[in-house]
């Protein structure tokens, strides 16, 4: 019984310590659920790595938005159709400064 209580206490302390060490991002987090082909960027690029590089360049050079953080995450299975308006199940997440939030929201990004 004492061993079980001791293990639970150690586990609880470790779990709390992990949460305290997590540093929040200094940037405002925004997301955009990608579609089959009606995204605001026009390039058709295969693969997430090429898309991340191209999207970062497009945001910076074409839209004057500095994406300090950018990642593509799977959020659902998608709509299961191939029309341009269908959701792909991927979300583009960016971290931007307060100055760039309005410009990103105008493109369809929303706060997370």
Protein backbone atom coordinates (compact mmCIF):
# COMPACT_ATOMS: atom_id res chain seq x y z
CA UNK A 1 0.00 0.00 0.00
CA UNK A 2 2.82 2.39 0.90
CA UNK A 3 4.60 1.55 -2.36
CA UNK A 4 1.49 2.35 -4.38
CA UNK A 5 1.00 5.68 -2.61
CA UNK A 6 4.68 6.51 -3.06
CA UNK A 7 4.51 5.72 -6.80
CA UNK A 8 1.39 7.86 -7.22
CA UNK A 9 3.06 10.74 -5.40
CA UNK A 10 6.19 10.51 -7.58
CA UNK A 11 4.08 10.32 -10.73
CA UNK A 12 1.99 13.34 -9.70
CA UNK A 13 5.13 15.40 -8.96
CA UNK A 14 6.66 14.49 -12.32
CA UNK A 15 3.47 15.35 -14.17
CA UNK A 16 3.21 18.73 -12.46
CA UNK A 17 6.89 19.49 -13.08
CA UNK A 18 6.48 18.81 -16.80
CA UNK A 19 3.56 21.22 -17.09
CA UNK A 20 5.40 24.02 -15.30
CA UNK A 21 8.41 23.84 -17.63
CA UNK A 22 6.37 24.30 -20.80
CA UNK A 23 7.10 27.79 -22.10
CA UNK A 24 4.22 29.36 -24.03
CA UNK A 25 4.93 30.78 -27.45
CA UNK A 26 5.38 34.56 -27.57
CA UNK A 27 3.46 34.60 -30.86
CA UNK A 28 -0.26 34.58 -31.55
CA UNK A 29 -1.32 31.18 -32.87
CA UNK A 30 -3.52 31.04 -35.98
CA UNK A 31 -4.77 28.14 -38.07
CA UNK A 32 -6.15 27.53 -41.54
CA UNK A 33 -7.94 24.30 -42.54
CA UNK A 34 -6.70 23.48 -46.01
CA UNK A 35 -9.03 22.59 -48.88
CA UNK A 36 -8.60 20.60 -52.08
CA UNK A 37 -7.64 23.61 -54.18
CA UNK A 38 -9.34 26.78 -52.91
CA UNK A 39 -6.59 27.89 -50.54
CA UNK A 40 -5.42 31.50 -50.82
CA UNK A 41 -2.03 30.39 -52.13
CA UNK A 42 -2.02 29.18 -55.70
CA UNK A 43 0.85 26.68 -55.98
CA UNK A 44 0.09 22.99 -56.17
CA UNK A 45 2.94 21.41 -54.27
CA UNK A 46 3.34 17.76 -53.30
CA UNK A 47 4.54 16.99 -49.79
CA UNK A 48 4.38 18.91 -46.52
CA UNK A 49 8.06 19.97 -46.50
CA UNK A 50 7.81 21.71 -49.88
CA UNK A 51 4.49 23.23 -48.85
CA UNK A 52 5.94 24.61 -45.60
CA UNK A 53 8.85 26.23 -47.44
CA UNK A 54 6.65 27.63 -50.20
CA UNK A 55 3.96 28.83 -47.80
CA UNK A 56 6.47 30.60 -45.57
CA UNK A 57 7.96 32.32 -48.64
CA UNK A 58 4.49 33.26 -49.97
CA UNK A 59 3.39 34.71 -46.63
CA UNK A 60 6.59 36.71 -46.28
CA UNK A 61 7.12 37.94 -49.83
CA UNK A 62 3.57 38.22 -51.17
CA UNK A 63 1.53 39.06 -48.06
CA UNK A 64 4.15 40.69 -45.80
CA UNK A 65 3.36 38.28 -42.94
CA UNK A 66 6.28 36.94 -40.93
CA UNK A 67 5.37 33.41 -39.81
CA UNK A 68 7.74 32.82 -36.89
CA UNK A 69 6.30 29.35 -36.41
CA UNK A 70 4.74 27.23 -39.14
CA UNK A 71 3.64 23.61 -39.11
CA UNK A 72 1.13 21.40 -40.85
CA UNK A 73 -0.90 19.08 -38.65
CA UNK A 74 -3.51 16.43 -39.32
CA UNK A 75 -6.73 17.43 -37.54
CA UNK A 76 -9.29 15.10 -39.13
CA UNK A 77 -9.84 12.50 -41.82
CA UNK A 78 -11.01 15.20 -44.22
CA UNK A 79 -14.29 15.48 -46.08
CA UNK A 80 -13.66 12.50 -48.34
CA UNK A 81 -14.29 14.38 -51.56
CA UNK A 82 -11.98 15.92 -54.14
CA UNK A 83 -13.78 19.17 -54.96
CA UNK A 84 -11.93 22.43 -54.39
CA UNK A 85 -14.03 23.37 -51.36
CA UNK A 86 -13.55 20.03 -49.56
CA UNK A 87 -11.46 20.06 -46.38
CA UNK A 88 -8.33 17.91 -46.59
CA UNK A 89 -8.05 17.22 -42.86
CA UNK A 90 -4.82 19.22 -42.58
CA UNK A 91 -4.43 22.52 -40.80
CA UNK A 92 -1.68 25.06 -41.35
CA UNK A 93 -0.71 26.56 -38.00
CA UNK A 94 1.35 29.71 -37.81
CA UNK A 95 2.66 31.87 -35.00
CA UNK A 96 2.71 35.57 -35.85
CA UNK A 97 3.32 38.84 -34.05
CA UNK A 98 0.35 41.06 -33.14
CA UNK A 99 1.13 43.31 -36.12
CA UNK A 100 0.46 40.48 -38.59
CA UNK A 101 -2.73 39.02 -37.07
CA UNK A 102 -5.19 41.15 -39.08
CA UNK A 103 -3.40 40.41 -42.38
CA UNK A 104 -3.47 36.66 -41.65
CA UNK A 105 -7.13 36.75 -40.62
CA UNK A 106 -7.93 38.50 -43.91
CA UNK A 107 -6.54 35.39 -45.66
CA UNK A 108 -8.82 33.10 -43.66
CA UNK A 109 -6.58 32.16 -40.72
CA UNK A 110 -8.36 32.06 -37.36
CA UNK A 111 -7.05 32.32 -33.79
CA UNK A 112 -6.40 29.05 -31.99
